[in-house]
Amino acid sequence: MAMAGCNPPQNSQSPPDATIDRQPPPLPENAVTVDFNAAADEGTNSVSAEQDKTEPQQASAAWGLEPGEAIPLKWEDLMPEGAEEELARQEAEFFRMLEQRYAASATSLAEAQTFDEIQEGSAFDYMPQLGTFDVVDDLDGQLIRIPGYVVPFDFNESRRQGEFLFVPYMGACIHTPPPPPNQIIFVRADPAIRLGDIWSPYWLEGTLTTEVTHSEPGDAAYAVSLSKLESYEYR
């Protein structure tokens, strides 16, 4: 069953902003997102949410990092205890209610097809952002390094971007539903930068803060002041 991404349903009353190019470049054929939690992370261990990070310099030494070196993270490290279970509960509740609405619908769509065959673009082909804004407080203020994908607020490739989102998988907030807020990072780049291929993965490095930001593509529970954005090397 295909579910629409972060954009509002097609019957949204919000008028489009003609000054913003919202049309992303085409998704490459056979493109597959990288599973960063399973991939090697340059030979270093990511930090665990359960580890004590109240003394960053001592903790960094324990991880084999030099003073001032960025802490390598996996996306799961941004999820505090209980966040994954709450996300699973919300997803189960959402699909239960959606299936009830679908079954109660008197439209020909509901009569002709099963719930697992919802047509793309239909009134039922929409999934809100689920999850919570719960964060790992000990990561606040840390210099971190994490792999992921960029999501610009517009797709004008010649325009420099001072703000954009960083997400854990390809197509998030473009062709697929948004991740939970605590799996989205709002990035500030000063000076602004030109983003490369949005379908390619990157390493993001910068100072992480626990900060709520709201945007049309998706709300974020974290923000980063960008130090470096570089291509992710496959192994």
Protein backbone atom coordinates (compact mmCIF):
# COMPACT_ATOMS: atom_id res chain seq x y z
CA MET A 1 0.00 0.00 0.00
CA ALA A 2 1.46 3.33 -1.03
CA MET A 3 1.06 6.26 1.31
CA ALA A 4 1.70 9.84 0.30
CA GLY A 5 4.57 11.85 1.68
CA CYS A 6 4.67 14.98 3.79
CA ASN A 7 2.75 17.29 1.53
CA PRO A 8 -0.86 18.10 2.49
CA PRO A 9 -3.69 16.05 0.92
CA GLN A 10 -4.68 17.11 -2.57
CA ASN A 11 -7.85 18.74 -1.30
CA SER A 12 -5.85 21.12 0.90
CA GLN A 13 -7.16 24.70 0.76
CA SER A 14 -3.68 26.23 1.15
CA PRO A 15 -2.77 28.06 -2.08
CA PRO A 16 0.60 27.09 -3.58
CA ASP A 17 3.48 29.57 -3.36
CA ALA A 18 4.39 30.27 -6.98
CA THR A 19 7.79 31.68 -6.00
CA ILE A 20 9.07 28.33 -4.68
CA ASP A 21 10.09 25.43 -6.90
CA ARG A 22 8.55 22.45 -5.11
CA GLN A 23 9.16 19.93 -7.87
CA PRO A 24 12.04 17.61 -6.89
CA PRO A 25 14.33 16.12 -9.52
CA PRO A 26 13.26 12.66 -10.71
CA LEU A 27 14.15 9.72 -8.53
CA PRO A 28 16.89 7.66 -10.22
CA GLU A 29 15.75 4.30 -11.52
CA ASN A 30 16.39 1.46 -9.06
CA ALA A 31 17.62 3.90 -6.39
CA VAL A 32 17.89 2.27 -2.95
CA THR A 33 18.32 4.09 0.33
CA VAL A 34 21.31 3.31 2.54
CA ASP A 35 20.61 1.58 5.86
CA PHE A 36 22.96 3.67 7.96
CA ASN A 37 22.26 1.73 11.15
CA ALA A 38 23.54 -1.43 9.48
CA ALA A 39 26.37 0.19 7.51
CA ALA A 40 29.91 0.62 8.73
CA ASP A 41 30.58 4.02 10.25
CA GLU A 42 34.22 4.65 9.44
CA GLY A 43 35.48 2.17 12.01
CA THR A 44 34.15 4.07 15.02
CA ASN A 45 31.34 3.17 17.36
CA SER A 46 28.27 5.37 17.46
CA VAL A 47 27.20 6.74 20.78
CA SER A 48 24.36 4.99 22.58
CA ALA A 49 21.50 6.91 24.14
CA GLU A 50 22.13 4.98 27.34
CA GLN A 51 25.78 6.07 27.59
CA ASP A 52 26.70 8.87 29.98
CA LYS A 53 27.43 11.97 27.91
CA THR A 54 27.33 14.50 30.73
CA GLU A 55 31.12 14.93 30.48
CA PRO A 56 31.76 15.17 26.71
CA GLN A 57 35.56 15.41 26.82
CA GLN A 58 36.01 12.35 29.01
CA ALA A 59 33.40 10.42 27.02
CA SER A 60 35.05 11.32 23.72
CA ALA A 61 38.37 9.98 24.99
CA ALA A 62 36.64 6.70 25.90
CA TRP A 63 35.35 6.40 22.35
CA GLY A 64 38.83 6.96 20.93
CA LEU A 65 38.11 10.50 19.73
CA GLU A 66 40.51 13.39 19.87
CA PRO A 67 39.42 16.59 21.68
CA GLY A 68 37.20 18.61 19.36
CA GLU A 69 36.47 15.64 17.09
CA ALA A 70 32.81 15.08 16.18
CA ILE A 71 30.91 12.26 17.88
CA PRO A 72 29.69 9.74 15.25
CA LEU A 73 25.98 8.99 15.64
CA LYS A 74 23.48 6.60 14.17
CA TRP A 75 19.89 7.76 13.80
CA GLU A 76 18.74 5.38 16.49
CA ASP A 77 20.95 7.32 18.92
CA LEU A 78 18.56 10.29 18.58
CA MET A 79 15.64 8.22 19.91
CA PRO A 80 15.31 8.33 23.71
CA GLU A 81 14.11 5.34 25.67
CA GLY A 82 10.51 4.46 24.84
CA ALA A 83 10.34 6.57 21.64
CA GLU A 84 10.37 3.61 19.25
CA GLU A 85 7.63 1.84 21.20
CA GLU A 86 5.48 4.99 21.16
CA LEU A 87 6.01 5.37 17.42
CA ALA A 88 4.91 1.76 16.84
CA ARG A 89 1.81 2.37 18.99
CA GLN A 90 0.88 5.50 17.02
CA GLU A 91 1.39 3.73 13.69
CA ALA A 92 -0.83 0.82 14.74
CA GLU A 93 -3.54 3.23 15.95
CA PHE A 94 -3.35 5.32 12.77
CA PHE A 95 -3.76 2.33 10.46
CA ARG A 96 -6.55 0.91 12.64
CA MET A 97 -8.51 4.16 12.37
CA LEU A 98 -7.73 4.52 8.67
CA GLU A 99 -8.97 1.01 7.95
CA GLN A 100 -12.18 1.75 9.87
CA ARG A 101 -12.74 4.91 7.81
CA TYR A 102 -12.01 3.04 4.62
CA ALA A 103 -14.43 0.24 5.48
CA ALA A 104 -17.16 2.75 6.38
CA SER A 105 -16.75 4.68 3.14
CA ALA A 106 -19.57 4.31 0.63
CA THR A 107 -17.46 5.35 -2.36
CA SER A 108 -16.85 3.07 -5.29
CA LEU A 109 -13.17 3.07 -4.37
CA ALA A 110 -13.86 1.37 -1.06
CA GLU A 111 -16.33 -1.05 -2.63
CA ALA A 112 -14.02 -2.06 -5.45
CA GLN A 113 -10.73 -2.51 -3.62
CA THR A 114 -9.33 -3.84 -0.37
CA PHE A 115 -7.66 -1.62 2.20
CA ASP A 116 -4.24 -2.84 1.04
CA GLU A 117 -4.94 -1.50 -2.46
CA ILE A 118 -5.54 2.17 -1.72
CA GLN A 119 -4.99 4.16 -4.89
CA GLU A 120 -2.19 6.72 -4.95
CA GLY A 121 -3.62 10.23 -4.76
CA SER A 122 -6.93 9.15 -3.25
CA ALA A 123 -8.40 10.74 -0.11
CA PHE A 124 -7.00 7.82 1.91
CA ASP A 125 -3.48 8.11 0.47
CA TYR A 126 -2.09 10.36 3.17
CA MET A 127 -0.08 9.72 6.31
CA PRO A 128 0.62 12.39 8.94
CA GLN A 129 3.89 12.77 10.77
CA LEU A 130 3.81 10.39 13.71
CA GLY A 131 6.15 10.01 16.66
CA THR A 132 7.18 12.49 19.33
CA PHE A 133 9.44 15.44 20.00
CA ASP A 134 11.17 13.53 22.81
CA VAL A 135 14.95 13.92 22.57
CA VAL A 136 18.18 12.70 24.11
CA ASP A 137 18.97 15.73 26.26
CA ASP A 138 22.61 14.75 26.79
CA LEU A 139 23.26 15.31 23.07
CA ASP A 140 22.37 18.98 23.34
CA GLY A 141 25.39 21.11 22.45
CA GLN A 142 27.51 18.21 21.18
CA LEU A 143 29.57 18.32 17.98
CA ILE A 144 28.22 15.34 16.02
CA ARG A 145 28.65 13.56 12.70
CA ILE A 146 25.80 11.57 11.16
CA PRO A 147 25.00 10.13 7.71
CA GLY A 148 21.73 10.87 5.94
CA TYR A 149 19.94 12.65 3.11
CA VAL A 150 19.27 16.33 2.50
CA VAL A 151 15.75 17.72 1.99
CA PRO A 152 15.79 21.31 0.69
CA PHE A 153 12.81 23.61 1.13
CA ASP A 154 12.91 24.28 -2.61
CA PHE A 155 14.54 22.44 -5.48
CA ASN A 156 16.23 25.25 -7.35
CA GLU A 157 19.67 23.65 -7.76
CA SER A 158 21.37 26.99 -8.48
CA ARG A 159 20.13 28.59 -5.25
CA ARG A 160 22.17 28.54 -2.08
CA GLN A 161 20.37 27.03 0.89
CA GLY A 162 20.75 28.55 4.33
CA GLU A 163 18.30 26.09 5.86
CA PHE A 164 17.29 22.54 4.99
CA LEU A 165 16.28 19.26 6.63
CA PHE A 166 18.44 16.18 7.15
CA VAL A 167 16.72 12.79 7.30
CA PRO A 168 17.65 9.11 7.74
CA TYR A 169 16.43 7.69 4.42
CA MET A 170 16.06 8.64 0.78
CA GLY A 171 12.81 10.33 -0.20
CA ALA A 172 11.69 11.21 3.32
CA CYS A 173 9.38 14.25 3.16
CA ILE A 174 9.43 14.05 -0.65
CA HIS A 175 7.97 10.73 -1.85
CA THR A 176 7.41 9.04 1.51
CA PRO A 177 5.88 10.10 4.84
CA PRO A 178 8.03 12.18 7.18
CA PRO A 179 10.03 10.43 9.89
CA PRO A 180 9.22 11.23 13.52
CA PRO A 181 10.34 14.69 14.69
CA ASN A 182 13.20 13.11 16.63
CA GLN A 183 14.43 11.57 13.38
CA ILE A 184 14.62 14.89 11.51
CA ILE A 185 17.37 17.48 11.90
CA PHE A 186 16.79 21.11 10.94
CA VAL A 187 20.08 22.42 9.52
CA ARG A 188 21.30 26.00 9.47
CA ALA A 189 24.18 26.75 7.11
CA ASP A 190 26.08 30.03 7.48
CA PRO A 191 27.18 30.82 4.87
CA ALA A 192 24.48 29.21 2.76
CA ILE A 193 25.57 26.32 0.54
CA ARG A 194 24.50 24.76 -2.72
CA LEU A 195 23.19 21.28 -2.10
CA GLY A 196 24.20 18.45 -4.39
CA ASP A 197 22.21 15.43 -5.50
CA ILE A 198 19.35 14.97 -3.02
CA TRP A 199 19.19 11.26 -3.84
CA SER A 200 22.78 10.72 -2.67
CA PRO A 201 23.75 10.28 0.99
CA TYR A 202 25.95 12.72 2.91
CA TRP A 203 27.86 13.06 6.13
CA LEU A 204 26.53 15.95 8.20
CA GLU A 205 28.77 17.49 10.83
CA GLY A 206 27.92 20.30 13.20
CA THR A 207 26.76 21.31 16.65
CA LEU A 208 23.52 19.59 17.62
CA THR A 209 20.84 21.28 19.71
CA THR A 210 17.54 19.98 21.02
CA GLU A 211 15.29 22.52 19.34
CA VAL A 212 11.78 22.22 17.90
CA THR A 213 11.25 23.67 14.41
CA HIS A 214 8.13 23.45 12.27
CA SER A 215 8.07 23.34 8.47
CA GLU A 216 5.81 22.11 5.71
CA PRO A 217 7.96 19.09 4.83
CA GLY A 218 8.14 17.95 8.45
CA ASP A 219 8.68 19.08 12.03
CA ALA A 220 12.07 18.52 13.65
CA ALA A 221 13.07 17.95 17.27
CA TYR A 222 16.77 18.62 16.62
CA ALA A 223 18.75 21.36 14.90
CA VAL A 224 22.35 21.55 13.71
CA SER A 225 24.60 24.51 13.07
CA LEU A 226 26.44 23.18 10.03
CA SER A 227 30.20 22.78 10.06
CA LYS A 228 30.61 20.35 7.17
CA LEU A 229 28.55 18.47 4.58
CA GLU A 230 30.38 15.88 2.50
CA SER A 231 29.54 12.87 0.35
CA TYR A 232 28.97 9.57 2.08
CA GLU A 233 31.38 6.94 0.81
CA TYR A 234 29.94 3.49 0.20
CA ARG A 235 31.89 0.50 1.46
